[in-house]
Amino acid sequence: MKIAVISLGCPKNQVDADVYCHALLARGWQTTADLTEADVIVVNTCGFIESAKAESIESILTACAEKQQRDVKVIVTGCLAERYKEELADSIPEVDAVVGMGSNADLVAIVEKAVTGSAQQQCYGPKSDLPLGGSRIISTPGHYAYLKISEGCDNRCFYCAIPGIRGPLRSRPMEDILAEARWMASEGVKEIVVVAQDVTAYGDDFGENRIAALLRELDRVEGIEWIRLLYAYPERITDEFIAAMAESRHIVHYLDMPIQHINDRVLKSMNRKGNRAVIENAVARLRAAMPDITLRTTLLVGYPGETEEEFEELCEFVKTARFERLGCFAFSAEEGTVAERMPDQLPEELRQQRADAIMQLQTGIMAENQAALVGHELTVMCDDYDPEEDLFICRSAADAPDIDAVCYVKSENTLQQGGLYRIRVEEADIYDLYGEPVE
């Protein structure tokens, strides 16, 4: 029998799907990308912000539309299923099972129970802790893969629903992580993307922060060319962490460090642990140690009570800090969070206007940065080939897969997926680069 998995949201959610897909394959199931071929459709949902929830509901309804045409089972998993089990079951009765993340380990049995028709619609709540590791498939293109080093979060930012969905911080044992990294290398993975809600908190629940030690061990794994880190918090950027990055052979000089805002009052209102001085200090130390580092950040505007002056302070900071990569979200009042109950909620239109204004500023910065690379040489990794344009799709160390820009390379010789090549940048647009191999 065949199963189709629609996986939405963050890489951490994708890793969860990789684990239970491995278990299904071990039981003799086959996977398919074609919903019309599937006997079971699993929708692995995201429930982080309103737009993600809407996308998840749309995907569930798409799966249920297929069910109207023929006999196919629909199972909903992931963050939205964990957060709104009963509501999903009540509002979309066509769904055969709603599986909270704590029951992911039982997904094979749940799928088989649904297929045999031995039960009506079921909701599966948290009966066990979310597995931190285990055997899995690699659902990304084979040359890069996500490596999850911890689950949950203790930061408790007032706008964020993640701790309520995924629970407190639970770090994986280091040897377990390293064993998975070695397995990835044996499978041909060339780039490991290290993910967690906060990679810089790794080990805090053990009583000792161990992220620098983990990075030094990962750097020794043979066969891995690039190691990339998502996501770091500025107040945890220690000198030891910076040194582990700067002195490594394979950790790329790229760091995703979401700061959310720069105004001290707003940051305190968000329950962020750092302030403007901490953020500026972290940025300065990272750039001093690694002048070629690419810093990506995320901002949140339109937070309850954010004044025009506080927003303007953020705009000026964006202009001066000149992050190489930046994304901006308009505040969304997530159910169950402290921020949802705060006074001085701003109009949705104003929130979106502020987010658009930030992105307009960043677009100009990005365009200038990209244009400055024309004529320079870069090392890129080949991701894919576009036969219609006859161009190889590559990325430099400055670009994370599926998040950042790409470099289109014109080459008479075939570039191998996962291979590293030296290219000269010939052209640039706002986001992407165009180049040719250096002889």
Protein backbone atom coordinates (compact mmCIF):
# COMPACT_ATOMS: atom_id res chain seq x y z
CA MET A 1 0.00 0.00 0.00
CA LYS A 2 1.08 3.56 -0.61
CA ILE A 3 1.24 6.58 1.68
CA ALA A 4 1.61 10.25 0.74
CA VAL A 5 2.98 12.72 3.30
CA ILE A 6 2.30 16.45 3.01
CA SER A 7 4.81 18.00 5.41
CA LEU A 8 4.43 21.69 6.26
CA GLY A 9 6.25 24.16 8.47
CA CYS A 10 9.78 24.13 9.79
CA PRO A 11 12.65 21.67 9.25
CA LYS A 12 12.08 20.30 12.77
CA ASN A 13 8.61 19.20 11.71
CA GLN A 14 10.12 17.62 8.60
CA VAL A 15 12.51 15.56 10.74
CA ASP A 16 9.53 14.22 12.72
CA ALA A 17 7.97 13.07 9.45
CA ASP A 18 11.25 11.46 8.37
CA VAL A 19 11.23 9.35 11.53
CA TYR A 20 7.73 7.96 11.15
CA CYS A 21 8.12 7.52 7.39
CA HIS A 22 11.09 5.25 8.11
CA ALA A 23 8.91 3.19 10.44
CA LEU A 24 6.20 2.91 7.76
CA LEU A 25 8.69 1.85 5.10
CA ALA A 26 10.04 -0.80 7.47
CA ARG A 27 6.50 -2.20 7.68
CA GLY A 28 6.31 -2.54 3.90
CA TRP A 29 4.56 0.68 2.97
CA GLN A 30 5.62 2.62 -0.11
CA THR A 31 5.71 6.41 -0.33
CA THR A 32 4.31 8.44 -3.19
CA ALA A 33 4.23 12.13 -4.03
CA ASP A 34 0.99 11.68 -5.99
CA LEU A 35 -2.10 12.01 -3.80
CA THR A 36 -4.19 10.16 -6.39
CA GLU A 37 -2.04 7.04 -5.88
CA ALA A 38 -2.10 7.03 -2.09
CA ASP A 39 -4.08 4.68 0.13
CA VAL A 40 -3.32 6.97 3.08
CA ILE A 41 -2.58 10.71 3.10
CA VAL A 42 -0.76 12.08 6.15
CA VAL A 43 -0.86 15.86 6.57
CA ASN A 44 2.00 16.92 8.87
CA THR A 45 0.77 20.35 9.96
CA CYS A 46 2.29 23.58 11.25
CA GLY A 47 0.52 25.62 13.92
CA PHE A 48 3.02 28.39 14.60
CA ILE A 49 1.27 31.50 13.25
CA GLU A 50 -2.07 32.27 11.62
CA SER A 51 -0.86 32.00 8.02
CA ALA A 52 0.74 28.61 8.75
CA LYS A 53 -2.47 27.36 10.35
CA ALA A 54 -4.43 28.47 7.28
CA GLU A 55 -2.03 26.60 4.98
CA SER A 56 -2.38 23.48 7.12
CA ILE A 57 -6.19 23.60 7.02
CA GLU A 58 -6.09 24.08 3.25
CA SER A 59 -3.86 21.00 2.87
CA ILE A 60 -6.19 18.93 5.08
CA LEU A 61 -9.17 19.97 2.95
CA THR A 62 -7.22 19.07 -0.22
CA ALA A 63 -6.63 15.60 1.19
CA CYS A 64 -10.30 15.29 2.18
CA ALA A 65 -11.35 16.32 -1.35
CA GLU A 66 -9.39 13.33 -2.64
CA LYS A 67 -11.28 11.19 -0.14
CA GLN A 68 -14.58 12.26 -1.73
CA GLN A 69 -13.42 10.70 -5.01
CA ARG A 70 -12.33 7.31 -3.70
CA ASP A 71 -11.46 5.23 -0.63
CA VAL A 72 -8.45 6.92 0.97
CA LYS A 73 -7.67 7.53 4.62
CA VAL A 74 -6.65 10.98 5.89
CA ILE A 75 -4.53 11.34 9.02
CA VAL A 76 -3.47 14.68 10.51
CA THR A 77 -0.26 15.02 12.54
CA GLY A 78 2.13 17.80 13.57
CA CYS A 79 1.84 21.01 15.55
CA LEU A 80 -1.73 21.91 14.60
CA ALA A 81 -2.87 18.38 15.49
CA GLU A 82 -1.12 18.67 18.85
CA ARG A 83 -2.63 22.09 19.56
CA TYR A 84 -6.20 21.61 18.30
CA LYS A 85 -6.94 17.87 18.34
CA GLU A 86 -10.60 17.97 19.30
CA GLU A 87 -11.36 21.10 17.27
CA LEU A 88 -9.93 19.53 14.09
CA ALA A 89 -11.83 16.30 14.64
CA ASP A 90 -15.11 18.13 15.21
CA SER A 91 -14.78 20.62 12.36
CA ILE A 92 -13.45 18.20 9.70
CA PRO A 93 -15.19 14.86 10.32
CA GLU A 94 -13.77 13.40 7.09
CA VAL A 95 -10.39 13.06 8.86
CA ASP A 96 -9.81 9.48 10.07
CA ALA A 97 -7.33 10.25 12.86
CA VAL A 98 -5.82 13.32 14.52
CA VAL A 99 -2.46 12.42 16.02
CA GLY A 100 -0.76 14.61 18.61
CA MET A 101 3.03 14.67 18.37
CA GLY A 102 3.42 12.65 21.55
CA SER A 103 1.84 9.73 19.69
CA ASN A 104 4.11 9.89 16.63
CA ALA A 105 5.84 6.71 17.76
CA ASP A 106 2.52 4.89 17.38
CA LEU A 107 1.78 6.24 13.91
CA VAL A 108 2.34 2.92 12.13
CA ALA A 109 -0.26 1.20 14.30
CA ILE A 110 -2.62 4.18 13.91
CA VAL A 111 -2.30 4.08 10.10
CA GLU A 112 -2.93 0.34 9.97
CA LYS A 113 -5.92 0.67 12.31
CA ALA A 114 -7.41 3.33 10.05
CA VAL A 115 -6.87 1.22 6.92
CA THR A 116 -8.55 -1.87 8.37
CA GLY A 117 -11.54 0.25 9.32
CA SER A 118 -11.54 -1.19 12.82
CA ALA A 119 -12.22 2.21 14.40
CA GLN A 120 -14.09 5.37 13.71
CA GLN A 121 -12.36 8.74 13.86
CA GLN A 122 -9.85 8.86 16.69
CA CYS A 123 -7.90 11.60 18.50
CA TYR A 124 -4.54 10.61 19.90
CA GLY A 125 -3.24 12.90 22.63
CA PRO A 126 0.14 13.11 24.34
CA LYS A 127 0.78 9.59 25.67
CA SER A 128 4.57 9.68 25.39
CA ASP A 129 7.28 12.27 25.02
CA LEU A 130 8.14 13.29 21.47
CA PRO A 131 11.04 11.07 20.35
CA LEU A 132 14.24 13.06 20.09
CA GLY A 133 15.93 10.81 17.55
CA GLY A 134 15.77 7.39 15.98
CA SER A 135 15.99 5.78 12.57
CA ARG A 136 14.72 8.00 9.78
CA ILE A 137 14.72 8.64 6.08
CA ILE A 138 16.25 11.69 4.40
CA SER A 139 13.41 13.44 2.57
CA THR A 140 15.49 16.41 1.45
CA PRO A 141 17.65 16.14 -1.67
CA GLY A 142 20.26 13.58 -0.70
CA HIS A 143 23.21 15.95 -0.44
CA TYR A 144 21.84 17.98 2.47
CA ALA A 145 19.80 17.05 5.55
CA TYR A 146 18.47 18.54 8.76
CA LEU A 147 19.90 17.35 12.08
CA LYS A 148 17.68 18.10 15.09
CA ILE A 149 19.72 18.41 18.30
CA SER A 150 16.95 19.21 20.79
CA GLU A 151 13.21 19.48 21.17
CA GLY A 152 11.10 22.15 22.84
CA CYS A 153 12.06 25.50 24.29
CA ASP A 154 12.46 27.18 27.68
CA ASN A 155 12.70 30.78 26.41
CA ARG A 156 8.98 31.49 26.89
CA CYS A 157 8.75 34.51 24.62
CA PHE A 158 5.30 36.00 25.23
CA TYR A 159 4.23 35.91 21.55
CA CYS A 160 5.25 32.30 20.91
CA ALA A 161 3.07 29.18 21.16
CA ILE A 162 5.89 26.67 20.60
CA PRO A 163 6.58 25.80 24.28
CA GLY A 164 2.90 25.00 24.67
CA ILE A 165 3.03 22.75 21.61
CA ARG A 166 6.44 21.08 21.81
CA GLY A 167 7.11 21.39 25.52
CA PRO A 168 10.24 22.34 27.47
CA LEU A 169 13.81 22.00 26.24
CA ARG A 170 15.02 18.39 25.91
CA SER A 171 18.52 18.03 24.47
CA ARG A 172 19.54 14.85 22.68
CA PRO A 173 22.56 12.98 24.03
CA MET A 174 25.65 14.12 22.15
CA GLU A 175 26.70 10.64 21.04
CA ASP A 176 23.20 10.07 19.60
CA ILE A 177 23.53 13.25 17.53
CA LEU A 178 27.04 12.34 16.36
CA ALA A 179 25.94 8.84 15.39
CA GLU A 180 23.19 10.32 13.21
CA ALA A 181 25.68 12.76 11.64
CA ARG A 182 28.03 9.88 10.79
CA TRP A 183 25.12 7.94 9.29
CA MET A 184 24.21 10.97 7.19
CA ALA A 185 27.78 11.17 5.89
CA SER A 186 27.67 7.48 4.99
CA GLU A 187 24.47 8.15 3.02
CA GLY A 188 26.19 10.83 0.92
CA VAL A 189 25.03 13.94 2.79
CA LYS A 190 27.45 16.82 2.21
CA GLU A 191 25.71 19.58 4.16
CA ILE A 192 24.21 19.19 7.63
CA VAL A 193 21.80 21.89 8.77
CA VAL A 194 21.71 21.82 12.58
CA VAL A 195 18.23 22.78 13.83
CA ALA A 196 16.47 23.36 17.15
CA GLN A 197 14.20 26.00 18.59
CA ASP A 198 17.42 27.44 20.03
CA VAL A 199 20.68 25.66 19.14
CA THR A 200 22.58 27.87 21.57
CA ALA A 201 20.57 26.40 24.48
CA TYR A 202 21.82 22.87 23.74
CA GLY A 203 22.71 21.11 26.98
CA ASP A 204 21.20 23.67 29.34
CA ASP A 205 18.78 21.00 30.56
CA PHE A 206 21.79 18.77 31.33
CA GLY A 207 23.04 21.49 33.68
CA GLU A 208 25.82 22.69 31.36
CA ASN A 209 25.63 24.41 27.99
CA ARG A 210 27.34 22.10 25.48
CA ILE A 211 26.74 23.65 22.08
CA ALA A 212 30.41 24.61 21.55
CA ALA A 213 31.54 21.09 22.47
CA LEU A 214 28.95 19.60 20.10
CA LEU A 215 30.08 21.82 17.24
CA ARG A 216 33.70 20.79 17.69
CA GLU A 217 32.69 17.11 17.57
CA LEU A 218 30.46 17.58 14.51
CA ASP A 219 33.36 19.31 12.78
CA ARG A 220 35.31 16.02 13.05
CA VAL A 221 32.71 13.93 11.21
CA GLU A 222 34.38 12.75 8.00
CA GLY A 223 32.58 13.29 4.71
CA ILE A 224 30.58 16.37 5.71
CA GLU A 225 31.63 19.49 3.80
CA TRP A 226 29.32 22.14 5.30
CA ILE A 227 27.66 22.48 8.71
CA ARG A 228 25.05 25.24 9.07
CA LEU A 229 23.30 26.49 12.23
CA LEU A 230 19.61 27.45 12.69
CA TYR A 231 18.75 29.22 15.17
CA ALA A 232 20.87 31.10 17.74
CA TYR A 233 19.88 33.61 20.43
CA PRO A 234 22.05 36.71 20.91
CA GLU A 235 22.25 36.48 24.71
CA ARG A 236 23.79 33.00 24.38
CA ILE A 237 26.48 33.95 21.84
CA THR A 238 29.50 33.20 24.03
CA ASP A 239 33.16 33.60 23.11
CA GLU A 240 33.45 29.80 23.23
CA PHE A 241 30.60 29.42 20.73
CA ILE A 242 32.16 31.99 18.37
CA ALA A 243 35.54 30.28 18.61
CA ALA A 244 33.99 26.89 17.78
CA MET A 245 32.55 28.42 14.61
CA ALA A 246 35.58 30.47 13.62
CA GLU A 247 38.14 27.70 14.15
CA SER A 248 36.21 24.90 12.45
CA ARG A 249 36.98 23.30 9.10
CA HIS A 250 33.38 22.73 8.05
CA ILE A 251 31.05 25.05 9.98
CA VAL A 252 30.12 27.72 7.44
CA HIS A 253 30.26 31.35 8.49
CA TYR A 254 26.51 31.72 8.52
CA LEU A 255 24.24 32.16 11.53
CA ASP A 256 20.48 32.57 11.79
CA MET A 257 19.99 34.72 14.89
CA PRO A 258 16.38 35.93 15.31
CA ILE A 259 16.42 39.16 17.35
CA GLN A 260 12.71 40.14 16.87
CA HIS A 261 13.21 43.82 17.79
CA ILE A 262 15.84 46.32 18.95
CA ASN A 263 13.92 48.61 21.30
CA ASP A 264 14.55 47.69 24.94
CA ARG A 265 10.98 48.27 26.11
CA VAL A 266 9.52 46.15 23.33
CA LEU A 267 12.05 43.37 23.93
CA LYS A 268 11.19 43.32 27.63
CA SER A 269 7.50 43.26 26.79
CA MET A 270 8.19 40.23 24.58
CA ASN A 271 9.99 38.53 27.52
CA ARG A 272 13.17 38.40 25.47
CA LYS A 273 16.24 37.82 27.62
CA GLY A 274 18.55 40.27 25.82
CA ASN A 275 18.40 43.97 25.04
CA ARG A 276 19.82 46.30 22.39
CA ALA A 277 23.28 46.31 23.94
CA VAL A 278 23.38 42.50 24.03
CA ILE A 279 22.28 42.26 20.39
CA GLU A 280 24.77 44.83 19.14
CA ASN A 281 27.55 43.19 21.13
CA ALA A 282 26.79 39.76 19.69
CA VAL A 283 26.73 41.11 16.14
CA ALA A 284 30.01 42.99 16.64
CA ARG A 285 31.83 39.98 18.13
CA LEU A 286 30.61 37.61 15.41
CA ARG A 287 31.71 39.96 12.64
CA ALA A 288 35.06 40.66 14.30
CA ALA A 289 35.85 36.95 14.57
CA MET A 290 34.48 36.09 11.11
CA PRO A 291 34.52 39.14 8.80
CA ASP A 292 32.92 37.08 6.04
CA ILE A 293 30.00 35.87 8.18
CA THR A 294 26.45 36.01 6.83
CA LEU A 295 23.99 36.96 9.56
CA ARG A 296 20.31 36.19 9.05
CA THR A 297 17.71 37.55 11.44
CA THR A 298 13.95 37.68 11.92
CA LEU A 299 11.97 40.68 13.14
CA LEU A 300 8.48 40.97 14.62
CA VAL A 301 6.66 44.29 14.18
CA GLY A 302 3.28 45.56 15.29
CA TYR A 303 3.66 44.00 18.73
CA PRO A 304 1.06 45.23 21.25
CA GLY A 305 1.93 48.75 22.34
CA GLU A 306 4.71 49.26 19.77
CA THR A 307 4.85 53.03 19.20
CA GLU A 308 5.77 54.83 16.01
CA GLU A 309 9.01 55.97 17.68
CA GLU A 310 9.92 52.40 18.66
CA PHE A 311 9.22 51.20 15.13
CA GLU A 312 11.38 54.00 13.70
CA GLU A 313 14.19 52.96 16.03
CA LEU A 314 13.97 49.47 14.54
CA CYS A 315 14.03 50.89 10.98
CA GLU A 316 17.19 52.88 11.74
CA PHE A 317 18.82 49.80 13.22
CA VAL A 318 18.02 47.77 10.09
CA LYS A 319 19.71 50.48 8.01
CA THR A 320 22.87 50.54 10.13
CA ALA A 321 23.21 46.85 11.08
CA ARG A 322 22.82 45.77 7.45
CA PHE A 323 22.03 42.12 8.08
CA GLU A 324 22.92 40.07 5.03
CA ARG A 325 19.62 38.18 5.27
CA LEU A 326 16.44 39.31 7.04
CA GLY A 327 12.79 38.33 7.29
CA CYS A 328 9.99 40.26 9.00
CA PHE A 329 6.63 39.13 10.35
CA ALA A 330 3.63 41.20 11.33
CA PHE A 331 2.53 40.30 14.86
CA SER A 332 -0.13 37.61 15.07
CA ALA A 333 -2.00 37.19 18.38
CA GLU A 334 -1.57 33.46 18.92
CA GLU A 335 -4.16 31.72 21.04
CA GLY A 336 -2.97 30.88 24.53
CA THR A 337 0.03 33.22 24.53
CA VAL A 338 0.61 36.07 26.94
CA ALA A 339 0.75 38.56 24.06
CA GLU A 340 -2.77 37.58 22.97
CA ARG A 341 -4.13 39.05 26.21
CA MET A 342 -2.06 42.24 26.17
CA PRO A 343 -3.75 45.64 25.83
CA ASP A 344 -2.96 48.09 23.02
CA GLN A 345 -3.31 45.60 20.19
CA LEU A 346 -2.48 47.39 16.94
CA PRO A 347 -4.74 47.30 13.86
CA GLU A 348 -3.88 44.47 11.47
CA GLU A 349 -3.42 46.91 8.59
CA LEU A 350 -0.84 48.92 10.55
CA ARG A 351 1.04 45.78 11.55
CA GLN A 352 1.31 44.68 7.93
CA GLN A 353 2.33 48.16 6.79
CA ARG A 354 5.21 48.12 9.24
CA ALA A 355 6.33 44.66 8.12
CA ASP A 356 6.23 45.77 4.47
CA ALA A 357 8.26 48.89 5.30
CA ILE A 358 10.99 46.81 6.97
CA MET A 359 11.16 44.44 4.01
CA GLN A 360 11.40 47.36 1.60
CA LEU A 361 14.44 48.62 3.52
CA GLN A 362 16.00 45.17 3.53
CA THR A 363 15.38 44.67 -0.19
CA GLY A 364 17.56 47.67 -0.92
CA ILE A 365 20.32 46.41 1.39
CA MET A 366 20.16 42.95 -0.14
CA ALA A 367 20.34 44.33 -3.68
CA GLU A 368 23.43 46.38 -2.80
CA ASN A 369 25.12 43.41 -1.13
CA GLN A 370 24.43 41.14 -4.10
CA ALA A 371 25.60 43.72 -6.65
CA ALA A 372 28.88 44.07 -4.73
CA LEU A 373 29.63 40.40 -5.40
CA VAL A 374 29.74 40.83 -9.20
CA GLY A 375 33.24 40.06 -10.42
CA HIS A 376 34.15 38.10 -7.29
CA GLU A 377 34.74 34.36 -6.95
CA LEU A 378 32.63 32.16 -4.69
CA THR A 379 32.55 28.52 -3.69
CA VAL A 380 29.08 27.08 -4.31
CA MET A 381 27.33 23.77 -3.76
CA CYS A 382 25.23 22.42 -6.63
CA ASP A 383 21.62 21.68 -5.64
CA ASP A 384 19.85 20.97 -8.92
CA TYR A 385 19.65 21.57 -12.67
CA ASP A 386 17.05 23.58 -14.58
CA PRO A 387 16.75 21.97 -18.04
CA GLU A 388 14.51 24.71 -19.43
CA GLU A 389 17.03 27.45 -18.66
CA ASP A 390 20.06 25.13 -19.01
CA LEU A 391 21.38 26.42 -15.68
CA PHE A 392 22.68 24.66 -12.58
CA ILE A 393 21.06 25.82 -9.35
CA CYS A 394 23.70 26.35 -6.69
CA ARG A 395 24.15 28.04 -3.30
CA SER A 396 27.06 29.69 -1.59
CA ALA A 397 27.78 29.28 2.12
CA ALA A 398 25.78 32.50 2.60
CA ASP A 399 22.51 30.80 1.65
CA ALA A 400 20.55 28.14 3.52
CA PRO A 401 18.51 25.69 1.43
CA ASP A 402 14.86 26.63 0.84
CA ILE A 403 15.33 29.87 2.81
CA ASP A 404 17.79 32.16 1.08
CA ALA A 405 18.98 33.06 -2.41
CA VAL A 406 20.53 30.86 -5.08
CA CYS A 407 23.28 31.19 -7.67
CA TYR A 408 22.47 30.13 -11.23
CA VAL A 409 25.55 28.73 -12.96
CA LYS A 410 26.04 28.34 -16.71
CA SER A 411 28.44 25.48 -17.38
CA GLU A 412 29.34 23.33 -20.36
CA ASN A 413 30.37 20.57 -17.97
CA THR A 414 27.90 18.77 -15.72
CA LEU A 415 27.93 19.89 -12.11
CA GLN A 416 27.22 17.08 -9.68
CA GLN A 417 24.53 17.48 -7.04
CA GLY A 418 26.27 18.10 -3.72
CA GLY A 419 29.56 18.99 -5.39
CA LEU A 420 31.51 22.11 -4.49
CA TYR A 421 32.64 24.39 -7.33
CA ARG A 422 34.45 27.67 -7.71
CA ILE A 423 32.52 30.20 -9.76
CA ARG A 424 32.84 33.83 -10.78
CA VAL A 425 29.77 36.03 -10.28
CA GLU A 426 28.82 37.68 -13.58
CA GLU A 427 25.44 39.24 -12.72
CA ALA A 428 23.17 39.88 -9.74
CA ASP A 429 19.54 40.78 -9.21
CA ILE A 430 17.84 41.71 -5.93
CA TYR A 431 18.25 38.23 -4.44
CA ASP A 432 20.00 35.82 -6.78
CA LEU A 433 23.38 35.59 -8.45
CA TYR A 434 24.46 34.38 -11.90
CA GLY A 435 27.89 32.98 -12.54
CA GLU A 436 30.21 30.71 -14.48
CA PRO A 437 32.79 28.17 -13.31
CA VAL A 438 36.36 29.34 -12.84
CA GLU A 439 38.72 27.33 -15.00
